[in-house]
């Protein structure tokens, strides 16, 4: 254990647990909207960037508002790549 919300895998990889995300639905509801990604050989649920952006906007700390902008810029670039 590293802290109440951090554990370390045997290989030293930190894993952060978030039990409640500001301005989002309960875990089961959000999980239905997550994506499955493979991380170090294990399948994990990852929130959609728009959901992360919504939460960070609601929290409103300087670092979160910067993340909101960076996510918006990334999503804009991603949409541009999808155009023919």
PDB file of N, CA and C in Angstrom:
ATOM      1  N   UNK A   1       0.850  -1.192   0.000  1.00  0.00           N
ATOM      2  CA  UNK A   1       0.000   0.000   0.000  1.00  0.00           C
ATOM      3  C   UNK A   1       0.889   1.246   0.000  1.00  0.00           C
ATOM      4  N   UNK A   2       0.495   2.213  -0.792  1.00  0.00           N
ATOM      5  CA  UNK A   2       1.207   3.479  -0.814  1.00  0.00           C
ATOM      6  C   UNK A   2       0.429   4.558  -0.081  1.00  0.00           C
ATOM      7  N   UNK A   3      -0.881   4.467  -0.136  1.00  0.00           N
ATOM      8  CA  UNK A   3      -1.790   5.407   0.528  1.00  0.00           C
ATOM      9  C   UNK A   3      -3.155   4.728   0.542  1.00  0.00           C
ATOM     10  N   UNK A   4      -4.160   5.409   1.058  1.00  0.00           N
ATOM     11  CA  UNK A   4      -5.503   4.820   1.105  1.00  0.00           C
ATOM     12  C   UNK A   4      -6.037   4.444  -0.273  1.00  0.00           C
ATOM     13  N   UNK A   5      -5.595   5.165  -1.304  1.00  0.00           N
ATOM     14  CA  UNK A   5      -6.134   4.922  -2.641  1.00  0.00           C
ATOM     15  C   UNK A   5      -5.079   4.412  -3.627  1.00  0.00           C
ATOM     16  N   UNK A   6      -3.901   4.050  -3.149  1.00  0.00           N
ATOM     17  CA  UNK A   6      -2.823   3.601  -4.036  1.00  0.00           C
ATOM     18  C   UNK A   6      -2.261   2.275  -3.548  1.00  0.00           C
ATOM     19  N   UNK A   7      -2.153   1.341  -4.474  1.00  0.00           N
ATOM     20  CA  UNK A   7      -1.447   0.087  -4.200  1.00  0.00           C
ATOM     21  C   UNK A   7      -0.423  -0.093  -5.310  1.00  0.00           C
ATOM     22  N   UNK A   8       0.596  -0.889  -5.030  1.00  0.00           N
ATOM     23  CA  UNK A   8       1.635  -1.155  -6.015  1.00  0.00           C
ATOM     24  C   UNK A   8       1.648  -2.624  -6.376  1.00  0.00           C
ATOM     25  N   UNK A   9       1.676  -2.889  -7.680  1.00  0.00           N
ATOM     26  CA  UNK A   9       1.789  -4.263  -8.145  1.00  0.00           C
ATOM     27  C   UNK A   9       3.195  -4.773  -7.840  1.00  0.00           C
ATOM     28  N   UNK A  10       3.385  -6.073  -7.973  1.00  0.00           N
ATOM     29  CA  UNK A  10       4.694  -6.674  -7.712  1.00  0.00           C
ATOM     30  C   UNK A  10       5.792  -6.059  -8.568  1.00  0.00           C
ATOM     31  N   UNK A  11       5.442  -5.602  -9.777  1.00  0.00           N
ATOM     32  CA  UNK A  11       6.446  -5.003 -10.661  1.00  0.00           C
ATOM     33  C   UNK A  11       6.659  -3.512 -10.381  1.00  0.00           C
ATOM     34  N   UNK A  12       5.997  -2.982  -9.348  1.00  0.00           N
ATOM     35  CA  UNK A  12       6.161  -1.582  -8.975  1.00  0.00           C
ATOM     36  C   UNK A  12       5.158  -0.635  -9.601  1.00  0.00           C
ATOM     37  N   UNK A  13       4.291  -1.135 -10.455  1.00  0.00           N
ATOM     38  CA  UNK A  13       3.294  -0.289 -11.100  1.00  0.00           C
ATOM     39  C   UNK A  13       2.271   0.196 -10.076  1.00  0.00           C
ATOM     40  N   UNK A  14       2.105   1.531  -9.951  1.00  0.00           N
ATOM     41  CA  UNK A  14       1.085   2.034  -9.028  1.00  0.00           C
ATOM     42  C   UNK A  14      -0.306   1.925  -9.633  1.00  0.00           C
ATOM     43  N   UNK A  15      -1.271   1.605  -8.807  1.00  0.00           N
ATOM     44  CA  UNK A  15      -2.672   1.570  -9.222  1.00  0.00           C
ATOM     45  C   UNK A  15      -3.440   2.468  -8.265  1.00  0.00           C
ATOM     46  N   UNK A  16      -4.105   3.482  -8.832  1.00  0.00           N
ATOM     47  CA  UNK A  16      -4.900   4.422  -8.042  1.00  0.00           C
ATOM     48  C   UNK A  16      -6.365   4.023  -8.103  1.00  0.00           C
ATOM     49  N   UNK A  17      -6.989   3.941  -6.947  1.00  0.00           N
ATOM     50  CA  UNK A  17      -8.405   3.623  -6.858  1.00  0.00           C
ATOM     51  C   UNK A  17      -9.176   4.887  -6.535  1.00  0.00           C
ATOM     52  N   UNK A  18     -10.252   5.103  -7.272  1.00  0.00           N
ATOM     53  CA  UNK A  18     -11.133   6.230  -7.006  1.00  0.00           C
ATOM     54  C   UNK A  18     -12.499   5.643  -6.698  1.00  0.00           C
ATOM     55  N   UNK A  19     -13.008   5.944  -5.519  1.00  0.00           N
ATOM     56  CA  UNK A  19     -14.269   5.348  -5.080  1.00  0.00           C
ATOM     57  C   UNK A  19     -15.479   6.185  -5.424  1.00  0.00           C
ATOM     58  N   UNK A  20     -15.286   7.481  -5.568  1.00  0.00           N
ATOM     59  CA  UNK A  20     -16.385   8.382  -5.921  1.00  0.00           C
ATOM     60  C   UNK A  20     -15.796   9.461  -6.805  1.00  0.00           C
ATOM     61  N   UNK A  21     -16.393   9.675  -7.972  1.00  0.00           N
ATOM     62  CA  UNK A  21     -15.890  10.676  -8.900  1.00  0.00           C
ATOM     63  C   UNK A  21     -16.882  11.834  -8.933  1.00  0.00           C
ATOM     64  N   UNK A  22     -16.393  13.029  -8.662  1.00  0.00           N
ATOM     65  CA  UNK A  22     -17.237  14.220  -8.581  1.00  0.00           C
ATOM     66  C   UNK A  22     -18.061  14.413  -9.845  1.00  0.00           C
ATOM     67  N   UNK A  23     -19.359  14.633  -9.664  1.00  0.00           N
ATOM     68  CA  UNK A  23     -20.322  14.978 -10.706  1.00  0.00           C
ATOM     69  C   UNK A  23     -20.625  13.849 -11.697  1.00  0.00           C
ATOM     70  N   UNK A  24     -20.233  12.611 -11.374  1.00  0.00           N
ATOM     71  CA  UNK A  24     -20.568  11.480 -12.227  1.00  0.00           C
ATOM     72  C   UNK A  24     -21.520  10.555 -11.486  1.00  0.00           C
ATOM     73  N   UNK A  25     -22.037   9.583 -12.208  1.00  0.00           N
ATOM     74  CA  UNK A  25     -22.977   8.628 -11.634  1.00  0.00           C
ATOM     75  C   UNK A  25     -22.242   7.615 -10.746  1.00  0.00           C
ATOM     76  N   UNK A  26     -22.985   6.699 -10.155  1.00  0.00           N
ATOM     77  CA  UNK A  26     -22.371   5.666  -9.327  1.00  0.00           C
ATOM     78  C   UNK A  26     -21.509   4.747 -10.197  1.00  0.00           C
ATOM     79  N   UNK A  27     -20.659   3.966  -9.538  1.00  0.00           N
ATOM     80  CA  UNK A  27     -19.674   3.132 -10.217  1.00  0.00           C
ATOM     81  C   UNK A  27     -20.312   2.211 -11.258  1.00  0.00           C
ATOM     82  N   UNK A  28     -21.389   1.529 -10.901  1.00  0.00           N
ATOM     83  CA  UNK A  28     -22.019   0.575 -11.817  1.00  0.00           C
ATOM     84  C   UNK A  28     -22.512   1.266 -13.085  1.00  0.00           C
ATOM     85  N   UNK A  29     -23.097   2.444 -12.941  1.00  0.00           N
ATOM     86  CA  UNK A  29     -23.601   3.184 -14.096  1.00  0.00           C
ATOM     87  C   UNK A  29     -22.457   3.640 -14.985  1.00  0.00           C
ATOM     88  N   UNK A  30     -21.425   4.218 -14.380  1.00  0.00           N
ATOM     89  CA  UNK A  30     -20.278   4.689 -15.167  1.00  0.00           C
ATOM     90  C   UNK A  30     -19.567   3.526 -15.851  1.00  0.00           C
ATOM     91  N   UNK A  31     -19.519   2.391 -15.190  1.00  0.00           N
ATOM     92  CA  UNK A  31     -18.844   1.213 -15.757  1.00  0.00           C
ATOM     93  C   UNK A  31     -19.504   0.786 -17.069  1.00  0.00           C
ATOM     94  N   UNK A  32     -20.793   0.975 -17.170  1.00  0.00           N
ATOM     95  CA  UNK A  32     -21.497   0.613 -18.400  1.00  0.00           C
ATOM     96  C   UNK A  32     -21.045   1.468 -19.579  1.00  0.00           C
ATOM     97  N   UNK A  33     -20.492   2.644 -19.290  1.00  0.00           N
ATOM     98  CA  UNK A  33     -20.043   3.562 -20.337  1.00  0.00           C
ATOM     99  C   UNK A  33     -18.526   3.566 -20.497  1.00  0.00           C
ATOM    100  N   UNK A  34     -17.860   2.639 -19.840  1.00  0.00           N
ATOM    101  CA  UNK A  34     -16.404   2.610 -19.903  1.00  0.00           C
ATOM    102  C   UNK A  34     -15.928   1.807 -21.107  1.00  0.00           C
ATOM    103  N   UNK A  35     -14.641   1.902 -21.373  1.00  0.00           N
ATOM    104  CA  UNK A  35     -14.002   1.124 -22.432  1.00  0.00           C
ATOM    105  C   UNK A  35     -13.108   0.092 -21.780  1.00  0.00           C
ATOM    106  N   UNK A  36     -12.974  -1.041 -22.415  1.00  0.00           N
ATOM    107  CA  UNK A  36     -12.054  -2.072 -21.938  1.00  0.00           C
ATOM    108  C   UNK A  36     -10.718  -1.855 -22.647  1.00  0.00           C
ATOM    109  N   UNK A  37      -9.656  -1.723 -21.858  1.00  0.00           N
ATOM    110  CA  UNK A  37      -8.312  -1.606 -22.397  1.00  0.00           C
ATOM    111  C   UNK A  37      -7.428  -2.654 -21.734  1.00  0.00           C
ATOM    112  N   UNK A  38      -6.372  -3.024 -22.404  1.00  0.00           N
ATOM    113  CA  UNK A  38      -5.424  -3.968 -21.821  1.00  0.00           C
ATOM    114  C   UNK A  38      -4.247  -3.186 -21.252  1.00  0.00           C
ATOM    115  N   UNK A  39      -3.973  -3.401 -19.989  1.00  0.00           N
ATOM    116  CA  UNK A  39      -2.876  -2.748 -19.289  1.00  0.00           C
ATOM    117  C   UNK A  39      -2.008  -3.826 -18.673  1.00  0.00           C
ATOM    118  N   UNK A  40      -0.804  -3.947 -19.186  1.00  0.00           N
ATOM    119  CA  UNK A  40       0.134  -4.952 -18.685  1.00  0.00           C
ATOM    120  C   UNK A  40      -0.477  -6.345 -18.640  1.00  0.00           C
ATOM    121  N   UNK A  41      -1.169  -6.678 -19.714  1.00  0.00           N
ATOM    122  CA  UNK A  41      -1.727  -8.011 -19.836  1.00  0.00           C
ATOM    123  C   UNK A  41      -3.051  -8.245 -19.145  1.00  0.00           C
ATOM    124  N   UNK A  42      -3.613  -7.225 -18.520  1.00  0.00           N
ATOM    125  CA  UNK A  42      -4.911  -7.361 -17.841  1.00  0.00           C
ATOM    126  C   UNK A  42      -5.907  -6.403 -18.440  1.00  0.00           C
ATOM    127  N   UNK A  43      -7.142  -6.866 -18.540  1.00  0.00           N
ATOM    128  CA  UNK A  43      -8.199  -6.019 -19.060  1.00  0.00           C
ATOM    129  C   UNK A  43      -8.730  -5.135 -17.929  1.00  0.00           C
ATOM    130  N   UNK A  44      -8.819  -3.817 -18.204  1.00  0.00           N
ATOM    131  CA  UNK A  44      -9.313  -2.872 -17.198  1.00  0.00           C
ATOM    132  C   UNK A  44     -10.384  -1.980 -17.819  1.00  0.00           C
ATOM    133  N   UNK A  45     -11.294  -1.489 -16.991  1.00  0.00           N
ATOM    134  CA  UNK A  45     -12.308  -0.537 -17.425  1.00  0.00           C
ATOM    135  C   UNK A  45     -11.741   0.872 -17.296  1.00  0.00           C
ATOM    136  N   UNK A  46     -11.921   1.676 -18.339  1.00  0.00           N
ATOM    137  CA  UNK A  46     -11.418   3.046 -18.352  1.00  0.00           C
ATOM    138  C   UNK A  46     -12.563   3.969 -18.748  1.00  0.00           C
ATOM    139  N   UNK A  47     -12.754   5.025 -17.985  1.00  0.00           N
ATOM    140  CA  UNK A  47     -13.810   5.985 -18.312  1.00  0.00           C
ATOM    141  C   UNK A  47     -13.525   6.686 -19.630  1.00  0.00           C
ATOM    142  N   UNK A  48     -14.576   7.018 -20.353  1.00  0.00           N
ATOM    143  CA  UNK A  48     -14.483   7.805 -21.564  1.00  0.00           C
ATOM    144  C   UNK A  48     -13.921   9.183 -21.214  1.00  0.00           C
ATOM    145  N   UNK A  49     -13.105   9.748 -22.100  1.00  0.00           N
ATOM    146  CA  UNK A  49     -12.503  11.053 -21.818  1.00  0.00           C
ATOM    147  C   UNK A  49     -13.533  12.147 -21.556  1.00  0.00           C
ATOM    148  N   UNK A  50     -14.676  12.091 -22.224  1.00  0.00           N
ATOM    149  CA  UNK A  50     -15.709  13.112 -21.980  1.00  0.00           C
ATOM    150  C   UNK A  50     -16.240  13.030 -20.551  1.00  0.00           C
ATOM    151  N   UNK A  51     -16.313  11.831 -19.989  1.00  0.00           N
ATOM    152  CA  UNK A  51     -16.764  11.674 -18.600  1.00  0.00           C
ATOM    153  C   UNK A  51     -15.698  12.216 -17.635  1.00  0.00           C
ATOM    154  N   UNK A  52     -14.439  11.922 -17.926  1.00  0.00           N
ATOM    155  CA  UNK A  52     -13.344  12.446 -17.100  1.00  0.00           C
ATOM    156  C   UNK A  52     -13.341  13.970 -17.163  1.00  0.00           C
ATOM    157  N   UNK A  53     -13.529  14.495 -18.359  1.00  0.00           N
ATOM    158  CA  UNK A  53     -13.564  15.945 -18.543  1.00  0.00           C
ATOM    159  C   UNK A  53     -14.699  16.583 -17.734  1.00  0.00           C
ATOM    160  N   UNK A  54     -15.859  15.953 -17.739  1.00  0.00           N
ATOM    161  CA  UNK A  54     -17.002  16.474 -16.978  1.00  0.00           C
ATOM    162  C   UNK A  54     -16.674  16.540 -15.487  1.00  0.00           C
ATOM    163  N   UNK A  55     -16.066  15.493 -14.969  1.00  0.00           N
ATOM    164  CA  UNK A  55     -15.723  15.464 -13.555  1.00  0.00           C
ATOM    165  C   UNK A  55     -14.685  16.527 -13.215  1.00  0.00           C
ATOM    166  N   UNK A  56     -13.672  16.651 -14.050  1.00  0.00           N
ATOM    167  CA  UNK A  56     -12.617  17.632 -13.786  1.00  0.00           C
ATOM    168  C   UNK A  56     -13.156  19.052 -13.850  1.00  0.00           C
ATOM    169  N   UNK A  57     -14.088  19.298 -14.760  1.00  0.00           N
ATOM    170  CA  UNK A  57     -14.708  20.622 -14.841  1.00  0.00           C
ATOM    171  C   UNK A  57     -15.459  20.929 -13.542  1.00  0.00           C
ATOM    172  N   UNK A  58     -16.156  19.938 -12.996  1.00  0.00           N
ATOM    173  CA  UNK A  58     -16.925  20.131 -11.763  1.00  0.00           C
ATOM    174  C   UNK A  58     -16.007  20.366 -10.564  1.00  0.00           C
ATOM    175  N   UNK A  59     -14.862  19.684 -10.539  1.00  0.00           N
ATOM    176  CA  UNK A  59     -13.930  19.869  -9.419  1.00  0.00           C
ATOM    177  C   UNK A  59     -13.357  21.287  -9.463  1.00  0.00           C
ATOM    178  N   UNK A  60     -12.913  21.714 -10.642  1.00  0.00           N
ATOM    179  CA  UNK A  60     -12.545  23.109 -10.859  1.00  0.00           C
ATOM    180  C   UNK A  60     -11.200  23.582 -10.329  1.00  0.00           C
ATOM    181  N   UNK A  61     -10.341  22.671  -9.846  1.00  0.00           N
ATOM    182  CA  UNK A  61      -9.007  23.111  -9.422  1.00  0.00           C
ATOM    183  C   UNK A  61      -8.233  23.543 -10.670  1.00  0.00           C
ATOM    184  N   UNK A  62      -7.200  24.377 -10.481  1.00  0.00           N
ATOM    185  CA  UNK A  62      -6.405  24.842 -11.618  1.00  0.00           C
ATOM    186  C   UNK A  62      -5.902  23.675 -12.466  1.00  0.00           C
ATOM    187  N   UNK A  63      -5.348  22.654 -11.815  1.00  0.00           N
ATOM    188  CA  UNK A  63      -4.807  21.531 -12.581  1.00  0.00           C
ATOM    189  C   UNK A  63      -5.911  20.769 -13.313  1.00  0.00           C
ATOM    190  N   UNK A  64      -7.111  20.702 -12.736  1.00  0.00           N
ATOM    191  CA  UNK A  64      -8.220  20.029 -13.400  1.00  0.00           C
ATOM    192  C   UNK A  64      -8.707  20.839 -14.602  1.00  0.00           C
ATOM    193  N   UNK A  65      -8.753  22.155 -14.466  1.00  0.00           N
ATOM    194  CA  UNK A  65      -9.186  22.994 -15.584  1.00  0.00           C
ATOM    195  C   UNK A  65      -8.191  22.925 -16.738  1.00  0.00           C
ATOM    196  N   UNK A  66      -6.905  22.773 -16.426  1.00  0.00           N
ATOM    197  CA  UNK A  66      -5.910  22.554 -17.473  1.00  0.00           C
ATOM    198  C   UNK A  66      -6.177  21.218 -18.168  1.00  0.00           C
ATOM    199  N   UNK A  67      -6.484  20.184 -17.385  1.00  0.00           N
ATOM    200  CA  UNK A  67      -6.801  18.874 -17.966  1.00  0.00           C
ATOM    201  C   UNK A  67      -8.040  18.959 -18.855  1.00  0.00           C
ATOM    202  N   UNK A  68      -9.041  19.754 -18.454  1.00  0.00           N
ATOM    203  CA  UNK A  68     -10.252  19.939 -19.252  1.00  0.00           C
ATOM    204  C   UNK A  68      -9.875  20.468 -20.635  1.00  0.00           C
ATOM    205  N   UNK A  69      -8.993  21.470 -20.657  1.00  0.00           N
ATOM    206  CA  UNK A  69      -8.552  22.041 -21.936  1.00  0.00           C
ATOM    207  C   UNK A  69      -7.756  21.028 -22.743  1.00  0.00           C
ATOM    208  N   UNK A  70      -6.841  20.323 -22.109  1.00  0.00           N
ATOM    209  CA  UNK A  70      -6.030  19.338 -22.830  1.00  0.00           C
ATOM    210  C   UNK A  70      -6.890  18.216 -23.409  1.00  0.00           C
ATOM    211  N   UNK A  71      -7.878  17.778 -22.649  1.00  0.00           N
ATOM    212  CA  UNK A  71      -8.790  16.740 -23.148  1.00  0.00           C
ATOM    213  C   UNK A  71      -9.574  17.274 -24.349  1.00  0.00           C
ATOM    214  N   UNK A  72     -10.055  18.518 -24.247  1.00  0.00           N
ATOM    215  CA  UNK A  72     -10.805  19.122 -25.363  1.00  0.00           C
ATOM    216  C   UNK A  72      -9.922  19.199 -26.608  1.00  0.00           C
ATOM    217  N   UNK A  73      -8.675  19.618 -26.444  1.00  0.00           N
ATOM    218  CA  UNK A  73      -7.751  19.703 -27.581  1.00  0.00           C
ATOM    219  C   UNK A  73      -7.509  18.324 -28.187  1.00  0.00           C
ATOM    220  N   UNK A  74      -7.318  17.328 -27.343  1.00  0.00           N
ATOM    221  CA  UNK A  74      -7.092  15.965 -27.823  1.00  0.00           C
ATOM    222  C   UNK A  74      -8.311  15.450 -28.591  1.00  0.00           C
ATOM    223  N   UNK A  75      -9.503  15.653 -28.029  1.00  0.00           N
ATOM    224  CA  UNK A  75     -10.720  15.176 -28.694  1.00  0.00           C
ATOM    225  C   UNK A  75     -10.921  15.877 -30.035  1.00  0.00           C
ATOM    226  N   UNK A  76     -10.570  17.170 -30.111  1.00  0.00           N
ATOM    227  CA  UNK A  76     -10.674  17.907 -31.357  1.00  0.00           C
ATOM    228  C   UNK A  76      -9.722  17.305 -32.395  1.00  0.00           C
ATOM    229  N   UNK A  77      -8.506  17.008 -31.995  1.00  0.00           N
ATOM    230  CA  UNK A  77      -7.531  16.381 -32.900  1.00  0.00           C
ATOM    231  C   UNK A  77      -8.019  15.008 -33.349  1.00  0.00           C
ATOM    232  N   UNK A  78      -8.568  14.268 -32.410  1.00  0.00           N
ATOM    233  CA  UNK A  78      -9.068  12.926 -32.723  1.00  0.00           C
ATOM    234  C   UNK A  78     -10.192  13.002 -33.750  1.00  0.00           C
ATOM    235  N   UNK A  79     -11.099  13.969 -33.587  1.00  0.00           N
ATOM    236  CA  UNK A  79     -12.193  14.133 -34.561  1.00  0.00           C
ATOM    237  C   UNK A  79     -11.611  14.504 -35.937  1.00  0.00           C
ATOM    238  N   UNK A  80     -10.582  15.329 -35.962  1.00  0.00           N
ATOM    239  CA  UNK A  80      -9.945  15.724 -37.216  1.00  0.00           C
ATOM    240  C   UNK A  80      -9.318  14.548 -37.939  1.00  0.00           C
ATOM    241  N   UNK A  81      -8.789  13.596 -37.200  1.00  0.00           N
ATOM    242  CA  UNK A  81      -8.181  12.423 -37.809  1.00  0.00           C
ATOM    243  C   UNK A  81      -9.205  11.510 -38.457  1.00  0.00           C
ATOM    244  N   UNK A  82     -10.442  11.559 -37.979  1.00  0.00           N
ATOM    245  CA  UNK A  82     -11.488  10.676 -38.498  1.00  0.00           C
ATOM    246  C   UNK A  82     -12.085  11.186 -39.803  1.00  0.00           C
ATOM    247  N   UNK A  83     -11.798  12.429 -40.165  1.00  0.00           N
ATOM    248  CA  UNK A  83     -12.362  12.972 -41.403  1.00  0.00           C
ATOM    249  C   UNK A  83     -11.645  12.388 -42.607  1.00  0.00           C
ATOM    250  N   UNK A  84     -12.404  12.152 -43.715  1.00  0.00           N
ATOM    251  CA  UNK A  84     -11.786  11.585 -44.936  1.00  0.00           C
ATOM    252  C   UNK A  84     -10.873  12.554 -45.653  1.00  0.00           C
TER     253      UNK A  84
END
